[in-house]
Amino acid sequence: MRSLLYIVAVILIIGWAIGTFAYAAGGLIHVLLVIAIISLILGFLRRDTTVV
């Protein structure tokens, strides 16, 4: 599940970067960035911290 969050975050960040340079998506660009950041934060918070 964690790797899926990272994949989604990377895809959203790439989409945000493309949209920023294309200037075509408007407010959707910032929504993609916020969703990507939230996904990364959730991934870090859900990380298992046990030491083996």
PDB file of N, CA and C in Angstrom:
ATOM      1  N   MET A   1       0.826  -1.198   0.000  1.00  0.00           N
ATOM      2  CA  MET A   1       0.000   0.000   0.000  1.00  0.00           C
ATOM      3  C   MET A   1       0.867   1.258   0.000  1.00  0.00           C
ATOM      4  N   ARG A   2       1.994   1.197   0.724  1.00  0.00           N
ATOM      5  CA  ARG A   2       2.854   2.383   0.787  1.00  0.00           C
ATOM      6  C   ARG A   2       3.439   2.709  -0.571  1.00  0.00           C
ATOM      7  N   SER A   3       3.853   1.678  -1.306  1.00  0.00           N
ATOM      8  CA  SER A   3       4.443   1.941  -2.614  1.00  0.00           C
ATOM      9  C   SER A   3       3.406   2.534  -3.557  1.00  0.00           C
ATOM     10  N   LEU A   4       2.147   2.154  -3.387  1.00  0.00           N
ATOM     11  CA  LEU A   4       1.085   2.713  -4.216  1.00  0.00           C
ATOM     12  C   LEU A   4       0.930   4.206  -3.952  1.00  0.00           C
ATOM     13  N   LEU A   5       1.041   4.620  -2.700  1.00  0.00           N
ATOM     14  CA  LEU A   5       0.951   6.045  -2.371  1.00  0.00           C
ATOM     15  C   LEU A   5       2.098   6.811  -3.013  1.00  0.00           C
ATOM     16  N   TYR A   6       3.294   6.238  -3.002  1.00  0.00           N
ATOM     17  CA  TYR A   6       4.437   6.908  -3.626  1.00  0.00           C
ATOM     18  C   TYR A   6       4.263   7.004  -5.133  1.00  0.00           C
ATOM     19  N   ILE A   7       3.742   5.951  -5.757  1.00  0.00           N
ATOM     20  CA  ILE A   7       3.510   5.972  -7.196  1.00  0.00           C
ATOM     21  C   ILE A   7       2.491   7.048  -7.548  1.00  0.00           C
ATOM     22  N   VAL A   8       1.404   7.116  -6.776  1.00  0.00           N
ATOM     23  CA  VAL A   8       0.375   8.131  -7.022  1.00  0.00           C
ATOM     24  C   VAL A   8       0.963   9.524  -6.834  1.00  0.00           C
ATOM     25  N   ALA A   9       1.770   9.706  -5.783  1.00  0.00           N
ATOM     26  CA  ALA A   9       2.367  11.010  -5.522  1.00  0.00           C
ATOM     27  C   ALA A   9       3.291  11.424  -6.655  1.00  0.00           C
ATOM     28  N   VAL A  10       4.105  10.501  -7.148  1.00  0.00           N
ATOM     29  CA  VAL A  10       5.025  10.831  -8.235  1.00  0.00           C
ATOM     30  C   VAL A  10       4.254  11.184  -9.507  1.00  0.00           C
ATOM     31  N   ILE A  11       3.208  10.422  -9.806  1.00  0.00           N
ATOM     32  CA  ILE A  11       2.397  10.710 -10.987  1.00  0.00           C
ATOM     33  C   ILE A  11       1.748  12.088 -10.870  1.00  0.00           C
ATOM     34  N   LEU A  12       1.239  12.407  -9.690  1.00  0.00           N
ATOM     35  CA  LEU A  12       0.597  13.706  -9.503  1.00  0.00           C
ATOM     36  C   LEU A  12       1.602  14.851  -9.584  1.00  0.00           C
ATOM     37  N   ILE A  13       2.791  14.653  -9.056  1.00  0.00           N
ATOM     38  CA  ILE A  13       3.809  15.700  -9.132  1.00  0.00           C
ATOM     39  C   ILE A  13       4.244  15.910 -10.576  1.00  0.00           C
ATOM     40  N   ILE A  14       4.389  14.820 -11.322  1.00  0.00           N
ATOM     41  CA  ILE A  14       4.743  14.952 -12.739  1.00  0.00           C
ATOM     42  C   ILE A  14       3.624  15.679 -13.494  1.00  0.00           C
ATOM     43  N   GLY A  15       2.383  15.319 -13.204  1.00  0.00           N
ATOM     44  CA  GLY A  15       1.256  16.005 -13.834  1.00  0.00           C
ATOM     45  C   GLY A  15       1.218  17.476 -13.475  1.00  0.00           C
ATOM     46  N   TRP A  16       1.545  17.776 -12.219  1.00  0.00           N
ATOM     47  CA  TRP A  16       1.589  19.171 -11.791  1.00  0.00           C
ATOM     48  C   TRP A  16       2.682  19.927 -12.536  1.00  0.00           C
ATOM     49  N   ALA A  17       3.848  19.320 -12.668  1.00  0.00           N
ATOM     50  CA  ALA A  17       4.958  19.983 -13.356  1.00  0.00           C
ATOM     51  C   ALA A  17       4.616  20.223 -14.824  1.00  0.00           C
ATOM     52  N   ILE A  18       4.029  19.225 -15.465  1.00  0.00           N
ATOM     53  CA  ILE A  18       3.643  19.395 -16.871  1.00  0.00           C
ATOM     54  C   ILE A  18       2.589  20.486 -16.997  1.00  0.00           C
ATOM     55  N   GLY A  19       1.623  20.492 -16.117  1.00  0.00           N
ATOM     56  CA  GLY A  19       0.571  21.502 -16.153  1.00  0.00           C
ATOM     57  C   GLY A  19       1.088  22.897 -15.881  1.00  0.00           C
ATOM     58  N   THR A  20       2.090  22.994 -15.012  1.00  0.00           N
ATOM     59  CA  THR A  20       2.671  24.299 -14.710  1.00  0.00           C
ATOM     60  C   THR A  20       3.334  24.891 -15.947  1.00  0.00           C
ATOM     61  N   PHE A  21       4.030  24.055 -16.688  1.00  0.00           N
ATOM     62  CA  PHE A  21       4.726  24.560 -17.874  1.00  0.00           C
ATOM     63  C   PHE A  21       3.772  24.748 -19.051  1.00  0.00           C
ATOM     64  N   ALA A  22       2.657  24.062 -19.059  1.00  0.00           N
ATOM     65  CA  ALA A  22       1.720  24.179 -20.176  1.00  0.00           C
ATOM     66  C   ALA A  22       0.721  25.321 -19.949  1.00  0.00           C
ATOM     67  N   TYR A  23       0.492  25.719 -18.709  1.00  0.00           N
ATOM     68  CA  TYR A  23      -0.460  26.782 -18.368  1.00  0.00           C
ATOM     69  C   TYR A  23      -1.874  26.504 -18.890  1.00  0.00           C
ATOM     70  N   ALA A  24      -2.254  25.243 -18.984  1.00  0.00           N
ATOM     71  CA  ALA A  24      -3.543  24.922 -19.571  1.00  0.00           C
ATOM     72  C   ALA A  24      -4.572  24.467 -18.532  1.00  0.00           C
ATOM     73  N   ALA A  25      -4.139  23.994 -17.375  1.00  0.00           N
ATOM     74  CA  ALA A  25      -5.064  23.365 -16.445  1.00  0.00           C
ATOM     75  C   ALA A  25      -5.622  24.323 -15.396  1.00  0.00           C
ATOM     76  N   GLY A  26      -5.039  25.468 -15.205  1.00  0.00           N
ATOM     77  CA  GLY A  26      -5.551  26.437 -14.243  1.00  0.00           C
ATOM     78  C   GLY A  26      -5.427  25.961 -12.806  1.00  0.00           C
ATOM     79  N   GLY A  27      -6.524  25.972 -12.062  1.00  0.00           N
ATOM     80  CA  GLY A  27      -6.523  25.597 -10.654  1.00  0.00           C
ATOM     81  C   GLY A  27      -6.278  24.126 -10.411  1.00  0.00           C
ATOM     82  N   LEU A  28      -6.468  23.298 -11.417  1.00  0.00           N
ATOM     83  CA  LEU A  28      -6.258  21.856 -11.269  1.00  0.00           C
ATOM     84  C   LEU A  28      -4.800  21.545 -10.947  1.00  0.00           C
ATOM     85  N   ILE A  29      -3.897  22.373 -11.402  1.00  0.00           N
ATOM     86  CA  ILE A  29      -2.471  22.170 -11.153  1.00  0.00           C
ATOM     87  C   ILE A  29      -2.201  22.154  -9.652  1.00  0.00           C
ATOM     88  N   HIS A  30      -2.756  23.112  -8.948  1.00  0.00           N
ATOM     89  CA  HIS A  30      -2.505  23.228  -7.522  1.00  0.00           C
ATOM     90  C   HIS A  30      -3.209  22.123  -6.745  1.00  0.00           C
ATOM     91  N   VAL A  31      -4.346  21.682  -7.220  1.00  0.00           N
ATOM     92  CA  VAL A  31      -5.041  20.558  -6.582  1.00  0.00           C
ATOM     93  C   VAL A  31      -4.185  19.300  -6.694  1.00  0.00           C
ATOM     94  N   LEU A  32      -3.573  19.069  -7.854  1.00  0.00           N
ATOM     95  CA  LEU A  32      -2.705  17.912  -8.027  1.00  0.00           C
ATOM     96  C   LEU A  32      -1.518  17.970  -7.078  1.00  0.00           C
ATOM     97  N   LEU A  33      -0.935  19.139  -6.913  1.00  0.00           N
ATOM     98  CA  LEU A  33       0.195  19.284  -6.014  1.00  0.00           C
ATOM     99  C   LEU A  33      -0.204  19.002  -4.572  1.00  0.00           C
ATOM    100  N   VAL A  34      -1.335  19.516  -4.142  1.00  0.00           N
ATOM    101  CA  VAL A  34      -1.803  19.295  -2.775  1.00  0.00           C
ATOM    102  C   VAL A  34      -2.067  17.814  -2.539  1.00  0.00           C
ATOM    103  N   ILE A  35      -2.701  17.140  -3.488  1.00  0.00           N
ATOM    104  CA  ILE A  35      -2.977  15.709  -3.339  1.00  0.00           C
ATOM    105  C   ILE A  35      -1.674  14.921  -3.276  1.00  0.00           C
ATOM    106  N   ALA A  36      -0.692  15.293  -4.075  1.00  0.00           N
ATOM    107  CA  ALA A  36       0.598  14.606  -4.054  1.00  0.00           C
ATOM    108  C   ALA A  36       1.293  14.784  -2.709  1.00  0.00           C
ATOM    109  N   ILE A  37       1.264  15.984  -2.181  1.00  0.00           N
ATOM    110  CA  ILE A  37       1.903  16.239  -0.887  1.00  0.00           C
ATOM    111  C   ILE A  37       1.199  15.470   0.218  1.00  0.00           C
ATOM    112  N   ILE A  38      -0.123  15.431   0.189  1.00  0.00           N
ATOM    113  CA  ILE A  38      -0.876  14.675   1.191  1.00  0.00           C
ATOM    114  C   ILE A  38      -0.540  13.192   1.096  1.00  0.00           C
ATOM    115  N   SER A  39      -0.401  12.677  -0.119  1.00  0.00           N
ATOM    116  CA  SER A  39      -0.044  11.267  -0.292  1.00  0.00           C
ATOM    117  C   SER A  39       1.331  10.966   0.290  1.00  0.00           C
ATOM    118  N   LEU A  40       2.283  11.866   0.058  1.00  0.00           N
ATOM    119  CA  LEU A  40       3.621  11.669   0.619  1.00  0.00           C
ATOM    120  C   LEU A  40       3.603  11.721   2.141  1.00  0.00           C
ATOM    121  N   ILE A  41       2.866  12.659   2.702  1.00  0.00           N
ATOM    122  CA  ILE A  41       2.782  12.779   4.152  1.00  0.00           C
ATOM    123  C   ILE A  41       2.148  11.529   4.756  1.00  0.00           C
ATOM    124  N   LEU A  42       1.068  11.048   4.142  1.00  0.00           N
ATOM    125  CA  LEU A  42       0.439   9.825   4.628  1.00  0.00           C
ATOM    126  C   LEU A  42       1.392   8.645   4.536  1.00  0.00           C
ATOM    127  N   GLY A  43       2.183   8.585   3.486  1.00  0.00           N
ATOM    128  CA  GLY A  43       3.161   7.514   3.345  1.00  0.00           C
ATOM    129  C   GLY A  43       4.196   7.556   4.456  1.00  0.00           C
ATOM    130  N   PHE A  44       4.670   8.735   4.804  1.00  0.00           N
ATOM    131  CA  PHE A  44       5.647   8.856   5.885  1.00  0.00           C
ATOM    132  C   PHE A  44       5.021   8.542   7.242  1.00  0.00           C
ATOM    133  N   LEU A  45       3.787   8.954   7.459  1.00  0.00           N
ATOM    134  CA  LEU A  45       3.136   8.709   8.738  1.00  0.00           C
ATOM    135  C   LEU A  45       2.781   7.245   8.929  1.00  0.00           C
ATOM    136  N   ARG A  46       2.453   6.553   7.857  1.00  0.00           N
ATOM    137  CA  ARG A  46       2.078   5.148   7.947  1.00  0.00           C
ATOM    138  C   ARG A  46       3.262   4.207   7.881  1.00  0.00           C
ATOM    139  N   ARG A  47       4.451   4.743   7.724  1.00  0.00           N
ATOM    140  CA  ARG A  47       5.648   3.908   7.652  1.00  0.00           C
ATOM    141  C   ARG A  47       5.831   3.142   8.954  1.00  0.00           C
ATOM    142  N   ASP A  48       6.174   1.890   8.842  1.00  0.00           N
ATOM    143  CA  ASP A  48       6.399   1.059  10.022  1.00  0.00           C
ATOM    144  C   ASP A  48       7.754   1.406  10.614  1.00  0.00           C
ATOM    145  N   THR A  49       7.785   1.772  11.891  1.00  0.00           N
ATOM    146  CA  THR A  49       9.029   2.233  12.514  1.00  0.00           C
ATOM    147  C   THR A  49       9.680   1.166  13.361  1.00  0.00           C
ATOM    148  N   THR A  50       9.261  -0.089  13.273  1.00  0.00           N
ATOM    149  CA  THR A  50       9.868  -1.138  14.074  1.00  0.00           C
ATOM    150  C   THR A  50      11.240  -1.497  13.519  1.00  0.00           C
ATOM    151  N   VAL A  51      12.166  -1.775  14.407  1.00  0.00           N
ATOM    152  CA  VAL A  51      13.523  -2.140  14.012  1.00  0.00           C
ATOM    153  C   VAL A  51      13.666  -3.643  14.144  1.00  0.00           C
ATOM    154  N   VAL A  52      14.141  -4.278  13.083  1.00  0.00           N
ATOM    155  CA  VAL A  52      14.278  -5.744  13.090  1.00  0.00           C
ATOM    156  C   VAL A  52      15.722  -6.110  13.266  1.00  0.00           C
TER     157      VAL A  52
END
